[in-house]
């Protein structure tokens, strides 16, 4: 996995942890989870294009 794809994967995992902690502490936020899903899809796209 190239450096940029690895960094984006780590960022996505950290963002998931932050979103989960925020939801537990303050309640759910639709925009927060929507943003995380968009980030996750972008990460999957980067990884899939780098793997080929």
N, C-alpha and C. Protein backbone atom coordinates (compact mmCIF):
# COMPACT_ATOMS: atom_id res chain seq x y z
N UNK A 1 0.87 -1.18 0.00
CA UNK A 1 0.00 0.00 0.00
C UNK A 1 0.91 1.23 0.00
N UNK A 2 0.73 2.11 -0.97
CA UNK A 2 1.55 3.34 -1.02
C UNK A 2 1.32 4.25 0.19
N UNK A 3 2.24 5.17 0.40
CA UNK A 3 2.19 6.04 1.57
C UNK A 3 0.91 6.84 1.68
N UNK A 4 0.44 7.41 0.57
CA UNK A 4 -0.76 8.25 0.61
C UNK A 4 -2.00 7.42 0.96
N UNK A 5 -2.10 6.24 0.41
CA UNK A 5 -3.25 5.38 0.69
C UNK A 5 -3.21 4.91 2.15
N UNK A 6 -2.01 4.63 2.65
CA UNK A 6 -1.89 4.20 4.04
C UNK A 6 -2.27 5.33 4.99
N UNK A 7 -1.81 6.54 4.69
CA UNK A 7 -2.14 7.69 5.53
C UNK A 7 -3.64 7.96 5.51
N UNK A 8 -4.27 7.80 4.35
CA UNK A 8 -5.71 8.03 4.26
C UNK A 8 -6.47 6.96 5.04
N UNK A 9 -5.98 5.73 5.02
CA UNK A 9 -6.61 4.65 5.78
C UNK A 9 -6.53 4.92 7.28
N UNK A 10 -5.37 5.37 7.73
CA UNK A 10 -5.20 5.69 9.15
C UNK A 10 -6.12 6.84 9.54
N UNK A 11 -6.21 7.85 8.67
CA UNK A 11 -7.10 8.99 8.94
C UNK A 11 -8.55 8.55 9.03
N UNK A 12 -8.94 7.62 8.17
CA UNK A 12 -10.32 7.12 8.19
C UNK A 12 -10.62 6.38 9.49
N UNK A 13 -9.68 5.56 9.94
CA UNK A 13 -9.88 4.82 11.18
C UNK A 13 -9.95 5.78 12.37
N UNK A 14 -9.06 6.78 12.40
CA UNK A 14 -9.08 7.77 13.48
C UNK A 14 -10.40 8.55 13.45
N UNK A 15 -10.87 8.90 12.26
CA UNK A 15 -12.14 9.62 12.14
C UNK A 15 -13.29 8.76 12.65
N UNK A 16 -13.24 7.46 12.40
CA UNK A 16 -14.28 6.56 12.93
C UNK A 16 -14.26 6.56 14.46
N UNK A 17 -13.07 6.51 15.04
CA UNK A 17 -12.97 6.53 16.50
C UNK A 17 -13.50 7.85 17.07
N UNK A 18 -13.17 8.96 16.42
CA UNK A 18 -13.65 10.27 16.87
C UNK A 18 -15.17 10.35 16.75
N UNK A 19 -15.71 9.88 15.62
CA UNK A 19 -17.16 9.92 15.43
C UNK A 19 -17.87 9.06 16.47
N UNK A 20 -17.30 7.91 16.78
CA UNK A 20 -17.90 7.04 17.78
C UNK A 20 -17.86 7.68 19.17
N UNK A 21 -16.70 8.26 19.52
CA UNK A 21 -16.57 8.92 20.82
C UNK A 21 -17.53 10.10 20.93
N UNK A 22 -17.66 10.88 19.87
CA UNK A 22 -18.58 12.02 19.87
C UNK A 22 -20.01 11.55 20.06
N UNK A 23 -20.38 10.47 19.36
CA UNK A 23 -21.74 9.95 19.46
C UNK A 23 -22.02 9.45 20.87
N UNK A 24 -21.07 8.77 21.48
CA UNK A 24 -21.26 8.26 22.83
C UNK A 24 -21.36 9.41 23.83
N UNK A 25 -20.51 10.43 23.67
CA UNK A 25 -20.46 11.52 24.65
C UNK A 25 -21.60 12.51 24.48
N UNK A 26 -21.92 12.90 23.24
CA UNK A 26 -22.85 13.99 23.01
C UNK A 26 -24.10 13.62 22.22
N UNK A 27 -24.18 12.40 21.76
CA UNK A 27 -25.32 12.00 20.95
C UNK A 27 -24.98 12.01 19.47
N UNK A 28 -25.78 11.35 18.70
CA UNK A 28 -25.51 11.18 17.28
C UNK A 28 -25.63 12.46 16.48
N UNK A 29 -24.84 12.53 15.43
CA UNK A 29 -24.90 13.64 14.50
C UNK A 29 -24.91 13.06 13.10
N UNK A 30 -25.99 13.30 12.37
CA UNK A 30 -26.10 12.77 11.02
C UNK A 30 -25.00 13.27 10.09
N UNK A 31 -24.66 14.55 10.20
CA UNK A 31 -23.61 15.11 9.34
C UNK A 31 -22.25 14.50 9.64
N UNK A 32 -21.99 14.21 10.90
CA UNK A 32 -20.72 13.59 11.29
C UNK A 32 -20.58 12.22 10.64
N UNK A 33 -21.64 11.42 10.74
CA UNK A 33 -21.58 10.08 10.16
C UNK A 33 -21.59 10.13 8.64
N UNK A 34 -22.33 11.06 8.07
CA UNK A 34 -22.31 11.23 6.61
C UNK A 34 -20.91 11.57 6.13
N UNK A 35 -20.24 12.47 6.84
CA UNK A 35 -18.87 12.86 6.48
C UNK A 35 -17.93 11.67 6.59
N UNK A 36 -18.11 10.85 7.62
CA UNK A 36 -17.25 9.69 7.76
C UNK A 36 -17.49 8.69 6.63
N UNK A 37 -18.72 8.49 6.24
CA UNK A 37 -19.02 7.58 5.12
C UNK A 37 -18.38 8.09 3.83
N UNK A 38 -18.47 9.39 3.58
CA UNK A 38 -17.83 9.96 2.39
C UNK A 38 -16.32 9.75 2.44
N UNK A 39 -15.71 9.99 3.60
CA UNK A 39 -14.28 9.76 3.76
C UNK A 39 -13.93 8.29 3.54
N UNK A 40 -14.74 7.40 4.08
CA UNK A 40 -14.51 5.97 3.88
C UNK A 40 -14.60 5.56 2.43
N UNK A 41 -15.59 6.07 1.71
CA UNK A 41 -15.72 5.76 0.29
C UNK A 41 -14.55 6.31 -0.51
N UNK A 42 -14.10 7.51 -0.17
CA UNK A 42 -12.93 8.08 -0.85
C UNK A 42 -11.69 7.24 -0.58
N UNK A 43 -11.55 6.76 0.64
CA UNK A 43 -10.41 5.91 0.98
C UNK A 43 -10.45 4.61 0.19
N UNK A 44 -11.61 4.01 0.11
CA UNK A 44 -11.75 2.77 -0.67
C UNK A 44 -11.40 3.04 -2.14
N UNK A 45 -11.84 4.18 -2.66
CA UNK A 45 -11.51 4.53 -4.04
C UNK A 45 -10.02 4.70 -4.26
N UNK A 46 -9.35 5.37 -3.33
CA UNK A 46 -7.90 5.56 -3.46
C UNK A 46 -7.17 4.24 -3.38
N UNK A 47 -7.57 3.40 -2.43
CA UNK A 47 -6.90 2.10 -2.28
C UNK A 47 -7.12 1.24 -3.52
N UNK A 48 -8.34 1.24 -4.04
CA UNK A 48 -8.63 0.39 -5.21
C UNK A 48 -7.89 0.86 -6.45
N UNK A 49 -7.70 2.16 -6.61
CA UNK A 49 -6.97 2.64 -7.77
C UNK A 49 -5.47 2.43 -7.62
N UNK A 50 -4.97 2.43 -6.40
CA UNK A 50 -3.54 2.23 -6.15
C UNK A 50 -3.16 0.76 -6.23
N UNK A 51 -4.08 -0.15 -5.95
CA UNK A 51 -3.79 -1.58 -5.94
C UNK A 51 -3.64 -2.15 -7.34
N UNK A 52 -4.25 -1.55 -8.33
CA UNK A 52 -4.22 -2.12 -9.68
C UNK A 52 -2.97 -1.79 -10.42
